[in-house]
């Protein structure tokens, strides 16, 4: 899934927490994506971020920068079920609210 966004770092932090994803590892021989991009001559304003599901089941999320801000309603919404295994309705709600708090803190 590819996301066009103005602030890729904030979006990546949020979705890392929201989905329990990891930052995609850089290519072999590079300690970071910044090292890779610099080595390839990619200007910083064109750097991208990708997140992956550590279990290998979910889709890869790719964030690419765009200069313009958001102008319209989002067309895609991801439904995240974080209350599974919560037992009672109230425990599920507590789990969901705690997860929402972690996502807000990640911004």
PDB file of N, CA and C in Angstrom:
ATOM      1  N   UNK A   1       0.856  -1.159   0.000  1.00  0.00           N
ATOM      2  CA  UNK A   1       0.000   0.000   0.000  1.00  0.00           C
ATOM      3  C   UNK A   1       0.908   1.230   0.000  1.00  0.00           C
ATOM      4  N   UNK A   2       0.590   2.174  -0.840  1.00  0.00           N
ATOM      5  CA  UNK A   2       1.384   3.396  -0.936  1.00  0.00           C
ATOM      6  C   UNK A   2       0.565   4.576  -0.453  1.00  0.00           C
ATOM      7  N   UNK A   3       1.189   5.392   0.374  1.00  0.00           N
ATOM      8  CA  UNK A   3       0.564   6.589   0.901  1.00  0.00           C
ATOM      9  C   UNK A   3       1.349   7.809   0.439  1.00  0.00           C
ATOM     10  N   UNK A   4       0.666   8.746  -0.201  1.00  0.00           N
ATOM     11  CA  UNK A   4       1.251  10.047  -0.501  1.00  0.00           C
ATOM     12  C   UNK A   4       1.003  10.910   0.732  1.00  0.00           C
ATOM     13  N   UNK A   5       2.046  11.510   1.279  1.00  0.00           N
ATOM     14  CA  UNK A   5       1.834  12.313   2.480  1.00  0.00           C
ATOM     15  C   UNK A   5       2.880  13.417   2.571  1.00  0.00           C
ATOM     16  N   UNK A   6       2.525  14.420   3.325  1.00  0.00           N
ATOM     17  CA  UNK A   6       3.394  15.586   3.481  1.00  0.00           C
ATOM     18  C   UNK A   6       4.491  15.319   4.514  1.00  0.00           C
ATOM     19  N   UNK A   7       4.183  14.564   5.565  1.00  0.00           N
ATOM     20  CA  UNK A   7       5.136  14.295   6.642  1.00  0.00           C
ATOM     21  C   UNK A   7       5.288  12.778   6.799  1.00  0.00           C
ATOM     22  N   UNK A   8       6.208  12.202   6.030  1.00  0.00           N
ATOM     23  CA  UNK A   8       6.329  10.745   6.020  1.00  0.00           C
ATOM     24  C   UNK A   8       6.827  10.199   7.351  1.00  0.00           C
ATOM     25  N   UNK A   9       7.651  10.935   8.062  1.00  0.00           N
ATOM     26  CA  UNK A   9       8.181  10.429   9.327  1.00  0.00           C
ATOM     27  C   UNK A   9       7.084  10.292  10.377  1.00  0.00           C
ATOM     28  N   UNK A  10       6.204  11.293  10.466  1.00  0.00           N
ATOM     29  CA  UNK A  10       5.092  11.218  11.418  1.00  0.00           C
ATOM     30  C   UNK A  10       4.155  10.088  11.040  1.00  0.00           C
ATOM     31  N   UNK A  11       3.845   9.959   9.767  1.00  0.00           N
ATOM     32  CA  UNK A  11       2.957   8.890   9.317  1.00  0.00           C
ATOM     33  C   UNK A  11       3.571   7.519   9.616  1.00  0.00           C
ATOM     34  N   UNK A  12       4.857   7.365   9.371  1.00  0.00           N
ATOM     35  CA  UNK A  12       5.516   6.081   9.623  1.00  0.00           C
ATOM     36  C   UNK A  12       5.513   5.755  11.120  1.00  0.00           C
ATOM     37  N   UNK A  13       5.804   6.734  11.962  1.00  0.00           N
ATOM     38  CA  UNK A  13       5.764   6.489  13.414  1.00  0.00           C
ATOM     39  C   UNK A  13       4.372   6.039  13.847  1.00  0.00           C
ATOM     40  N   UNK A  14       3.329   6.739  13.363  1.00  0.00           N
ATOM     41  CA  UNK A  14       1.961   6.399  13.726  1.00  0.00           C
ATOM     42  C   UNK A  14       1.615   4.968  13.316  1.00  0.00           C
ATOM     43  N   UNK A  15       1.872   4.632  12.050  1.00  0.00           N
ATOM     44  CA  UNK A  15       1.472   3.313  11.554  1.00  0.00           C
ATOM     45  C   UNK A  15       2.343   2.195  12.118  1.00  0.00           C
ATOM     46  N   UNK A  16       3.571   2.490  12.502  1.00  0.00           N
ATOM     47  CA  UNK A  16       4.401   1.490  13.174  1.00  0.00           C
ATOM     48  C   UNK A  16       3.729   1.064  14.473  1.00  0.00           C
ATOM     49  N   UNK A  17       3.252   2.043  15.233  1.00  0.00           N
ATOM     50  CA  UNK A  17       2.571   1.749  16.501  1.00  0.00           C
ATOM     51  C   UNK A  17       1.192   1.146  16.249  1.00  0.00           C
ATOM     52  N   UNK A  18       0.426   1.744  15.345  1.00  0.00           N
ATOM     53  CA  UNK A  18      -0.950   1.302  15.108  1.00  0.00           C
ATOM     54  C   UNK A  18      -1.024  -0.158  14.676  1.00  0.00           C
ATOM     55  N   UNK A  19      -0.078  -0.597  13.845  1.00  0.00           N
ATOM     56  CA  UNK A  19      -0.132  -1.951  13.296  1.00  0.00           C
ATOM     57  C   UNK A  19       0.931  -2.895  13.865  1.00  0.00           C
ATOM     58  N   UNK A  20       1.759  -2.384  14.786  1.00  0.00           N
ATOM     59  CA  UNK A  20       2.886  -3.174  15.319  1.00  0.00           C
ATOM     60  C   UNK A  20       3.802  -3.632  14.191  1.00  0.00           C
ATOM     61  N   UNK A  21       4.072  -2.735  13.259  1.00  0.00           N
ATOM     62  CA  UNK A  21       4.949  -3.003  12.131  1.00  0.00           C
ATOM     63  C   UNK A  21       6.375  -2.574  12.473  1.00  0.00           C
ATOM     64  N   UNK A  22       7.308  -2.959  11.615  1.00  0.00           N
ATOM     65  CA  UNK A  22       8.713  -2.577  11.739  1.00  0.00           C
ATOM     66  C   UNK A  22       9.134  -1.771  10.520  1.00  0.00           C
ATOM     67  N   UNK A  23      10.117  -0.928  10.705  1.00  0.00           N
ATOM     68  CA  UNK A  23      10.744  -0.235   9.587  1.00  0.00           C
ATOM     69  C   UNK A  23      11.433  -1.286   8.728  1.00  0.00           C
ATOM     70  N   UNK A  24      11.226  -1.221   7.418  1.00  0.00           N
ATOM     71  CA  UNK A  24      11.877  -2.184   6.527  1.00  0.00           C
ATOM     72  C   UNK A  24      13.390  -2.028   6.630  1.00  0.00           C
ATOM     73  N   UNK A  25      14.075  -3.138   6.711  1.00  0.00           N
ATOM     74  CA  UNK A  25      15.539  -3.124   6.811  1.00  0.00           C
ATOM     75  C   UNK A  25      16.153  -2.565   5.528  1.00  0.00           C
ATOM     76  N   UNK A  26      17.252  -1.817   5.647  1.00  0.00           N
ATOM     77  CA  UNK A  26      17.922  -1.304   4.444  1.00  0.00           C
ATOM     78  C   UNK A  26      18.632  -2.441   3.706  1.00  0.00           C
ATOM     79  N   UNK A  27      19.020  -2.195   2.463  1.00  0.00           N
ATOM     80  CA  UNK A  27      19.740  -3.223   1.699  1.00  0.00           C
ATOM     81  C   UNK A  27      21.021  -3.655   2.417  1.00  0.00           C
ATOM     82  N   UNK A  28      21.428  -4.872   2.141  1.00  0.00           N
ATOM     83  CA  UNK A  28      22.653  -5.402   2.745  1.00  0.00           C
ATOM     84  C   UNK A  28      23.824  -4.468   2.469  1.00  0.00           C
ATOM     85  N   UNK A  29      24.644  -4.272   3.480  1.00  0.00           N
ATOM     86  CA  UNK A  29      25.813  -3.411   3.344  1.00  0.00           C
ATOM     87  C   UNK A  29      25.567  -1.981   3.793  1.00  0.00           C
ATOM     88  N   UNK A  30      24.333  -1.656   4.175  1.00  0.00           N
ATOM     89  CA  UNK A  30      23.994  -0.307   4.628  1.00  0.00           C
ATOM     90  C   UNK A  30      23.388  -0.381   6.021  1.00  0.00           C
ATOM     91  N   UNK A  31      23.822   0.528   6.904  1.00  0.00           N
ATOM     92  CA  UNK A  31      23.323   0.518   8.282  1.00  0.00           C
ATOM     93  C   UNK A  31      21.975   1.211   8.420  1.00  0.00           C
ATOM     94  N   UNK A  32      21.605   2.014   7.423  1.00  0.00           N
ATOM     95  CA  UNK A  32      20.316   2.717   7.463  1.00  0.00           C
ATOM     96  C   UNK A  32      19.890   3.067   6.046  1.00  0.00           C
ATOM     97  N   UNK A  33      18.605   3.438   5.920  1.00  0.00           N
ATOM     98  CA  UNK A  33      18.115   3.894   4.619  1.00  0.00           C
ATOM     99  C   UNK A  33      18.740   5.228   4.246  1.00  0.00           C
ATOM    100  N   UNK A  34      19.050   6.058   5.245  1.00  0.00           N
ATOM    101  CA  UNK A  34      19.712   7.330   4.962  1.00  0.00           C
ATOM    102  C   UNK A  34      21.084   7.083   4.343  1.00  0.00           C
ATOM    103  N   UNK A  35      21.828   6.108   4.875  1.00  0.00           N
ATOM    104  CA  UNK A  35      23.129   5.756   4.290  1.00  0.00           C
ATOM    105  C   UNK A  35      22.963   5.280   2.847  1.00  0.00           C
ATOM    106  N   UNK A  36      21.959   4.440   2.617  1.00  0.00           N
ATOM    107  CA  UNK A  36      21.701   3.940   1.273  1.00  0.00           C
ATOM    108  C   UNK A  36      21.354   5.085   0.319  1.00  0.00           C
ATOM    109  N   UNK A  37      20.424   5.950   0.739  1.00  0.00           N
ATOM    110  CA  UNK A  37      19.989   7.050  -0.128  1.00  0.00           C
ATOM    111  C   UNK A  37      21.140   7.999  -0.439  1.00  0.00           C
ATOM    112  N   UNK A  38      21.936   8.296   0.562  1.00  0.00           N
ATOM    113  CA  UNK A  38      23.093   9.174   0.353  1.00  0.00           C
ATOM    114  C   UNK A  38      24.067   8.538  -0.633  1.00  0.00           C
ATOM    115  N   UNK A  39      24.320   7.242  -0.457  1.00  0.00           N
ATOM    116  CA  UNK A  39      25.222   6.521  -1.347  1.00  0.00           C
ATOM    117  C   UNK A  39      24.722   6.525  -2.785  1.00  0.00           C
ATOM    118  N   UNK A  40      23.399   6.484  -2.959  1.00  0.00           N
ATOM    119  CA  UNK A  40      22.802   6.449  -4.286  1.00  0.00           C
ATOM    120  C   UNK A  40      22.609   7.841  -4.886  1.00  0.00           C
ATOM    121  N   UNK A  41      22.922   8.892  -4.110  1.00  0.00           N
ATOM    122  CA  UNK A  41      22.759  10.257  -4.602  1.00  0.00           C
ATOM    123  C   UNK A  41      21.316  10.738  -4.603  1.00  0.00           C
ATOM    124  N   UNK A  42      20.482  10.145  -3.777  1.00  0.00           N
ATOM    125  CA  UNK A  42      19.071  10.539  -3.713  1.00  0.00           C
ATOM    126  C   UNK A  42      18.944  11.745  -2.791  1.00  0.00           C
ATOM    127  N   UNK A  43      18.413  12.872  -3.267  1.00  0.00           N
ATOM    128  CA  UNK A  43      18.266  14.049  -2.408  1.00  0.00           C
ATOM    129  C   UNK A  43      17.312  13.754  -1.250  1.00  0.00           C
ATOM    130  N   UNK A  44      17.578  14.338  -0.100  1.00  0.00           N
ATOM    131  CA  UNK A  44      16.807  14.059   1.108  1.00  0.00           C
ATOM    132  C   UNK A  44      15.312  14.302   0.923  1.00  0.00           C
ATOM    133  N   UNK A  45      14.940  15.278   0.137  1.00  0.00           N
ATOM    134  CA  UNK A  45      13.509  15.562  -0.053  1.00  0.00           C
ATOM    135  C   UNK A  45      12.789  14.455  -0.828  1.00  0.00           C
ATOM    136  N   UNK A  46      13.538  13.523  -1.392  1.00  0.00           N
ATOM    137  CA  UNK A  46      12.928  12.407  -2.119  1.00  0.00           C
ATOM    138  C   UNK A  46      13.017  11.078  -1.358  1.00  0.00           C
ATOM    139  N   UNK A  47      13.537  11.104  -0.127  1.00  0.00           N
ATOM    140  CA  UNK A  47      13.632   9.876   0.649  1.00  0.00           C
ATOM    141  C   UNK A  47      12.241   9.368   0.967  1.00  0.00           C
ATOM    142  N   UNK A  48      12.113   8.069   1.062  1.00  0.00           N
ATOM    143  CA  UNK A  48      10.852   7.409   1.355  1.00  0.00           C
ATOM    144  C   UNK A  48      11.008   6.525   2.594  1.00  0.00           C
ATOM    145  N   UNK A  49       9.884   6.037   3.091  1.00  0.00           N
ATOM    146  CA  UNK A  49       9.887   5.134   4.248  1.00  0.00           C
ATOM    147  C   UNK A  49       8.968   3.958   3.934  1.00  0.00           C
ATOM    148  N   UNK A  50       9.409   2.756   4.300  1.00  0.00           N
ATOM    149  CA  UNK A  50       8.573   1.565   4.139  1.00  0.00           C
ATOM    150  C   UNK A  50       8.506   0.814   5.459  1.00  0.00           C
ATOM    151  N   UNK A  51       7.313   0.311   5.762  1.00  0.00           N
ATOM    152  CA  UNK A  51       7.082  -0.492   6.959  1.00  0.00           C
ATOM    153  C   UNK A  51       6.640  -1.879   6.539  1.00  0.00           C
ATOM    154  N   UNK A  52       7.020  -2.871   7.339  1.00  0.00           N
ATOM    155  CA  UNK A  52       6.652  -4.246   7.036  1.00  0.00           C
ATOM    156  C   UNK A  52       6.088  -4.933   8.275  1.00  0.00           C
ATOM    157  N   UNK A  53       5.233  -5.903   8.023  1.00  0.00           N
ATOM    158  CA  UNK A  53       4.668  -6.728   9.077  1.00  0.00           C
ATOM    159  C   UNK A  53       5.735  -7.717   9.522  1.00  0.00           C
ATOM    160  N   UNK A  54       6.139  -7.698  10.807  1.00  0.00           N
ATOM    161  CA  UNK A  54       7.192  -8.626  11.233  1.00  0.00           C
ATOM    162  C   UNK A  54       6.787 -10.091  11.092  1.00  0.00           C
ATOM    163  N   UNK A  55       5.484 -10.370  11.079  1.00  0.00           N
ATOM    164  CA  UNK A  55       5.012 -11.747  10.888  1.00  0.00           C
ATOM    165  C   UNK A  55       4.981 -12.137   9.416  1.00  0.00           C
ATOM    166  N   UNK A  56       5.163 -11.158   8.521  1.00  0.00           N
ATOM    167  CA  UNK A  56       5.169 -11.437   7.088  1.00  0.00           C
ATOM    168  C   UNK A  56       3.802 -11.695   6.490  1.00  0.00           C
ATOM    169  N   UNK A  57       2.737 -11.334   7.203  1.00  0.00           N
ATOM    170  CA  UNK A  57       1.384 -11.609   6.710  1.00  0.00           C
ATOM    171  C   UNK A  57       0.696 -10.380   6.116  1.00  0.00           C
ATOM    172  N   UNK A  58       0.919  -9.233   6.715  1.00  0.00           N
ATOM    173  CA  UNK A  58       0.247  -8.020   6.272  1.00  0.00           C
ATOM    174  C   UNK A  58       0.975  -7.347   5.123  1.00  0.00           C
ATOM    175  N   UNK A  59       0.322  -6.383   4.499  1.00  0.00           N
ATOM    176  CA  UNK A  59       0.944  -5.695   3.363  1.00  0.00           C
ATOM    177  C   UNK A  59       2.070  -4.756   3.799  1.00  0.00           C
ATOM    178  N   UNK A  60       2.981  -4.522   2.902  1.00  0.00           N
ATOM    179  CA  UNK A  60       4.028  -3.529   3.103  1.00  0.00           C
ATOM    180  C   UNK A  60       3.384  -2.156   2.941  1.00  0.00           C
ATOM    181  N   UNK A  61       3.738  -1.216   3.817  1.00  0.00           N
ATOM    182  CA  UNK A  61       3.245   0.154   3.705  1.00  0.00           C
ATOM    183  C   UNK A  61       4.389   1.033   3.243  1.00  0.00           C
ATOM    184  N   UNK A  62       4.153   1.814   2.205  1.00  0.00           N
ATOM    185  CA  UNK A  62       5.180   2.660   1.610  1.00  0.00           C
ATOM    186  C   UNK A  62       4.701   4.106   1.659  1.00  0.00           C
ATOM    187  N   UNK A  63       5.510   4.980   2.237  1.00  0.00           N
ATOM    188  CA  UNK A  63       5.167   6.391   2.380  1.00  0.00           C
ATOM    189  C   UNK A  63       6.096   7.218   1.506  1.00  0.00           C
ATOM    190  N   UNK A  64       5.495   7.991   0.606  1.00  0.00           N
ATOM    191  CA  UNK A  64       6.297   8.843  -0.268  1.00  0.00           C
ATOM    192  C   UNK A  64       5.866  10.292  -0.093  1.00  0.00           C
ATOM    193  N   UNK A  65       6.842  11.194  -0.125  1.00  0.00           N
ATOM    194  CA  UNK A  65       6.530  12.604   0.119  1.00  0.00           C
ATOM    195  C   UNK A  65       5.856  13.269  -1.073  1.00  0.00           C
ATOM    196  N   UNK A  66       4.952  14.157  -0.752  1.00  0.00           N
ATOM    197  CA  UNK A  66       4.349  15.038  -1.748  1.00  0.00           C
ATOM    198  C   UNK A  66       4.404  16.454  -1.187  1.00  0.00           C
ATOM    199  N   UNK A  67       4.590  17.441  -2.033  1.00  0.00           N
ATOM    200  CA  UNK A  67       4.757  18.808  -1.531  1.00  0.00           C
ATOM    201  C   UNK A  67       3.467  19.435  -1.010  1.00  0.00           C
ATOM    202  N   UNK A  68       2.346  19.037  -1.573  1.00  0.00           N
ATOM    203  CA  UNK A  68       1.084  19.669  -1.186  1.00  0.00           C
ATOM    204  C   UNK A  68       0.511  19.019   0.073  1.00  0.00           C
ATOM    205  N   UNK A  69      -0.275  19.791   0.797  1.00  0.00           N
ATOM    206  CA  UNK A  69      -0.982  19.268   1.950  1.00  0.00           C
ATOM    207  C   UNK A  69      -2.235  18.530   1.520  1.00  0.00           C
ATOM    208  N   UNK A  70      -2.920  17.969   2.472  1.00  0.00           N
ATOM    209  CA  UNK A  70      -4.161  17.237   2.199  1.00  0.00           C
ATOM    210  C   UNK A  70      -5.221  18.208   1.718  1.00  0.00           C
ATOM    211  N   UNK A  71      -5.935  17.825   0.648  1.00  0.00           N
ATOM    212  CA  UNK A  71      -6.944  18.715   0.068  1.00  0.00           C
ATOM    213  C   UNK A  71      -8.342  18.116   0.071  1.00  0.00           C
ATOM    214  N   UNK A  72      -8.458  16.824   0.303  1.00  0.00           N
ATOM    215  CA  UNK A  72      -9.775  16.181   0.240  1.00  0.00           C
ATOM    216  C   UNK A  72      -9.855  15.086   1.294  1.00  0.00           C
ATOM    217  N   UNK A  73     -11.027  14.535   1.422  1.00  0.00           N
ATOM    218  CA  UNK A  73     -11.266  13.446   2.358  1.00  0.00           C
ATOM    219  C   UNK A  73     -10.454  12.218   1.958  1.00  0.00           C
ATOM    220  N   UNK A  74      -9.943  11.486   2.963  1.00  0.00           N
ATOM    221  CA  UNK A  74      -9.242  10.231   2.681  1.00  0.00           C
ATOM    222  C   UNK A  74     -10.177   9.259   1.986  1.00  0.00           C
ATOM    223  N   UNK A  75      -9.659   8.527   1.020  1.00  0.00           N
ATOM    224  CA  UNK A  75     -10.467   7.575   0.278  1.00  0.00           C
ATOM    225  C   UNK A  75     -10.311   6.144   0.803  1.00  0.00           C
ATOM    226  N   UNK A  76      -9.288   5.908   1.625  1.00  0.00           N
ATOM    227  CA  UNK A  76      -9.048   4.587   2.175  1.00  0.00           C
ATOM    228  C   UNK A  76      -8.947   4.709   3.690  1.00  0.00           C
ATOM    229  N   UNK A  77      -9.580   3.776   4.380  1.00  0.00           N
ATOM    230  CA  UNK A  77      -9.513   3.735   5.837  1.00  0.00           C
ATOM    231  C   UNK A  77      -9.180   2.312   6.241  1.00  0.00           C
ATOM    232  N   UNK A  78      -8.192   2.146   7.092  1.00  0.00           N
ATOM    233  CA  UNK A  78      -7.830   0.817   7.561  1.00  0.00           C
ATOM    234  C   UNK A  78      -8.557   0.545   8.871  1.00  0.00           C
ATOM    235  N   UNK A  79      -9.241  -0.587   8.939  1.00  0.00           N
ATOM    236  CA  UNK A  79      -9.964  -0.989  10.134  1.00  0.00           C
ATOM    237  C   UNK A  79      -9.031  -1.868  10.964  1.00  0.00           C
ATOM    238  N   UNK A  80      -8.645  -1.378  12.139  1.00  0.00           N
ATOM    239  CA  UNK A  80      -7.701  -2.094  12.992  1.00  0.00           C
ATOM    240  C   UNK A  80      -8.472  -2.660  14.178  1.00  0.00           C
ATOM    241  N   UNK A  81      -8.450  -3.973  14.336  1.00  0.00           N
ATOM    242  CA  UNK A  81      -9.140  -4.622  15.451  1.00  0.00           C
ATOM    243  C   UNK A  81      -8.114  -4.922  16.539  1.00  0.00           C
ATOM    244  N   UNK A  82      -8.086  -4.091  17.580  1.00  0.00           N
ATOM    245  CA  UNK A  82      -7.116  -4.263  18.660  1.00  0.00           C
ATOM    246  C   UNK A  82      -7.763  -4.777  19.936  1.00  0.00           C
ATOM    247  N   UNK A  83      -9.052  -5.035  19.900  1.00  0.00           N
ATOM    248  CA  UNK A  83      -9.738  -5.474  21.119  1.00  0.00           C
ATOM    249  C   UNK A  83      -9.929  -6.985  21.174  1.00  0.00           C
ATOM    250  N   UNK A  84      -9.395  -7.714  20.198  1.00  0.00           N
ATOM    251  CA  UNK A  84      -9.524  -9.177  20.203  1.00  0.00           C
ATOM    252  C   UNK A  84      -8.851  -9.745  21.447  1.00  0.00           C
ATOM    253  N   UNK A  85      -9.458 -10.756  22.008  1.00  0.00           N
ATOM    254  CA  UNK A  85      -8.873 -11.401  23.181  1.00  0.00           C
ATOM    255  C   UNK A  85      -9.099 -10.617  24.454  1.00  0.00           C
ATOM    256  N   UNK A  86      -9.910  -9.571  24.362  1.00  0.00           N
ATOM    257  CA  UNK A  86     -10.151  -8.744  25.533  1.00  0.00           C
ATOM    258  C   UNK A  86     -11.147  -9.330  26.496  1.00  0.00           C
ATOM    259  N   UNK A  87     -11.775 -10.440  26.138  1.00  0.00           N
ATOM    260  CA  UNK A  87     -12.756 -11.042  27.039  1.00  0.00           C
ATOM    261  C   UNK A  87     -14.062 -10.277  26.991  1.00  0.00           C
ATOM    262  N   UNK A  88     -14.335  -9.509  28.014  1.00  0.00           N
ATOM    263  CA  UNK A  88     -15.589  -8.768  28.096  1.00  0.00           C
ATOM    264  C   UNK A  88     -15.582  -7.563  27.164  1.00  0.00           C
ATOM    265  N   UNK A  89     -16.779  -7.040  26.946  1.00  0.00           N
ATOM    266  CA  UNK A  89     -16.915  -5.836  26.117  1.00  0.00           C
ATOM    267  C   UNK A  89     -16.097  -4.699  26.713  1.00  0.00           C
ATOM    268  N   UNK A  90     -16.110  -4.571  28.023  1.00  0.00           N
ATOM    269  CA  UNK A  90     -15.400  -3.453  28.671  1.00  0.00           C
ATOM    270  C   UNK A  90     -13.897  -3.631  28.601  1.00  0.00           C
ATOM    271  N   UNK A  91     -13.419  -4.877  28.699  1.00  0.00           N
ATOM    272  CA  UNK A  91     -11.988  -5.121  28.567  1.00  0.00           C
ATOM    273  C   UNK A  91     -11.536  -4.833  27.132  1.00  0.00           C
ATOM    274  N   UNK A  92     -12.340  -5.221  26.156  1.00  0.00           N
ATOM    275  CA  UNK A  92     -12.026  -4.907  24.761  1.00  0.00           C
ATOM    276  C   UNK A  92     -11.958  -3.414  24.528  1.00  0.00           C
ATOM    277  N   UNK A  93     -12.895  -2.685  25.140  1.00  0.00           N
ATOM    278  CA  UNK A  93     -12.883  -1.219  25.016  1.00  0.00           C
ATOM    279  C   UNK A  93     -11.632  -0.626  25.661  1.00  0.00           C
ATOM    280  N   UNK A  94     -11.250  -1.161  26.814  1.00  0.00           N
ATOM    281  CA  UNK A  94     -10.044  -0.676  27.492  1.00  0.00           C
ATOM    282  C   UNK A  94      -8.814  -0.898  26.607  1.00  0.00           C
ATOM    283  N   UNK A  95      -8.722  -2.090  25.996  1.00  0.00           N
ATOM    284  CA  UNK A  95      -7.596  -2.377  25.095  1.00  0.00           C
ATOM    285  C   UNK A  95      -7.576  -1.415  23.909  1.00  0.00           C
ATOM    286  N   UNK A  96      -8.747  -1.169  23.326  1.00  0.00           N
ATOM    287  CA  UNK A  96      -8.835  -0.269  22.170  1.00  0.00           C
ATOM    288  C   UNK A  96      -8.437   1.156  22.553  1.00  0.00           C
ATOM    289  N   UNK A  97      -8.902   1.637  23.692  1.00  0.00           N
ATOM    290  CA  UNK A  97      -8.559   3.001  24.130  1.00  0.00           C
ATOM    291  C   UNK A  97      -7.072   3.121  24.454  1.00  0.00           C
ATOM    292  N   UNK A  98      -6.497   2.101  25.068  1.00  0.00           N
ATOM    293  CA  UNK A  98      -5.059   2.130  25.365  1.00  0.00           C
ATOM    294  C   UNK A  98      -4.247   2.148  24.075  1.00  0.00           C
ATOM    295  N   UNK A  99      -4.684   1.384  23.079  1.00  0.00           N
ATOM    296  CA  UNK A  99      -3.982   1.370  21.788  1.00  0.00           C
ATOM    297  C   UNK A  99      -4.105   2.732  21.098  1.00  0.00           C
ATOM    298  N   UNK A 100      -5.290   3.326  21.161  1.00  0.00           N
ATOM    299  CA  UNK A 100      -5.492   4.660  20.577  1.00  0.00           C
ATOM    300  C   UNK A 100      -4.574   5.672  21.240  1.00  0.00           C
ATOM    301  N   UNK A 101      -4.406   5.593  22.543  1.00  0.00           N
ATOM    302  CA  UNK A 101      -3.502   6.511  23.253  1.00  0.00           C
ATOM    303  C   UNK A 101      -2.066   6.344  22.764  1.00  0.00           C
ATOM    304  N   UNK A 102      -1.620   5.097  22.565  1.00  0.00           N
ATOM    305  CA  UNK A 102      -0.257   4.862  22.068  1.00  0.00           C
ATOM    306  C   UNK A 102      -0.083   5.438  20.668  1.00  0.00           C
ATOM    307  N   UNK A 103      -1.112   5.334  19.840  1.00  0.00           N
ATOM    308  CA  UNK A 103      -1.040   5.874  18.474  1.00  0.00           C
ATOM    309  C   UNK A 103      -0.936   7.400  18.505  1.00  0.00           C
ATOM    310  N   UNK A 104      -1.714   8.037  19.360  1.00  0.00           N
ATOM    311  CA  UNK A 104      -1.676   9.505  19.465  1.00  0.00           C
ATOM    312  C   UNK A 104      -0.297   9.942  19.960  1.00  0.00           C
ATOM    313  N   UNK A 105       0.276   9.229  20.928  1.00  0.00           N
ATOM    314  CA  UNK A 105       1.607   9.567  21.434  1.00  0.00           C
ATOM    315  C   UNK A 105       2.681   9.419  20.364  1.00  0.00           C
ATOM    316  N   UNK A 106       2.480   8.537  19.402  1.00  0.00           N
ATOM    317  CA  UNK A 106       3.478   8.284  18.357  1.00  0.00           C
ATOM    318  C   UNK A 106       3.617   9.430  17.376  1.00  0.00           C
ATOM    319  N   UNK A 107       2.612  10.317  17.321  1.00  0.00           N
ATOM    320  CA  UNK A 107       2.672  11.419  16.368  1.00  0.00           C
ATOM    321  C   UNK A 107       3.823  12.255  16.682  1.00  0.00           C
TER     322      UNK A 107
END
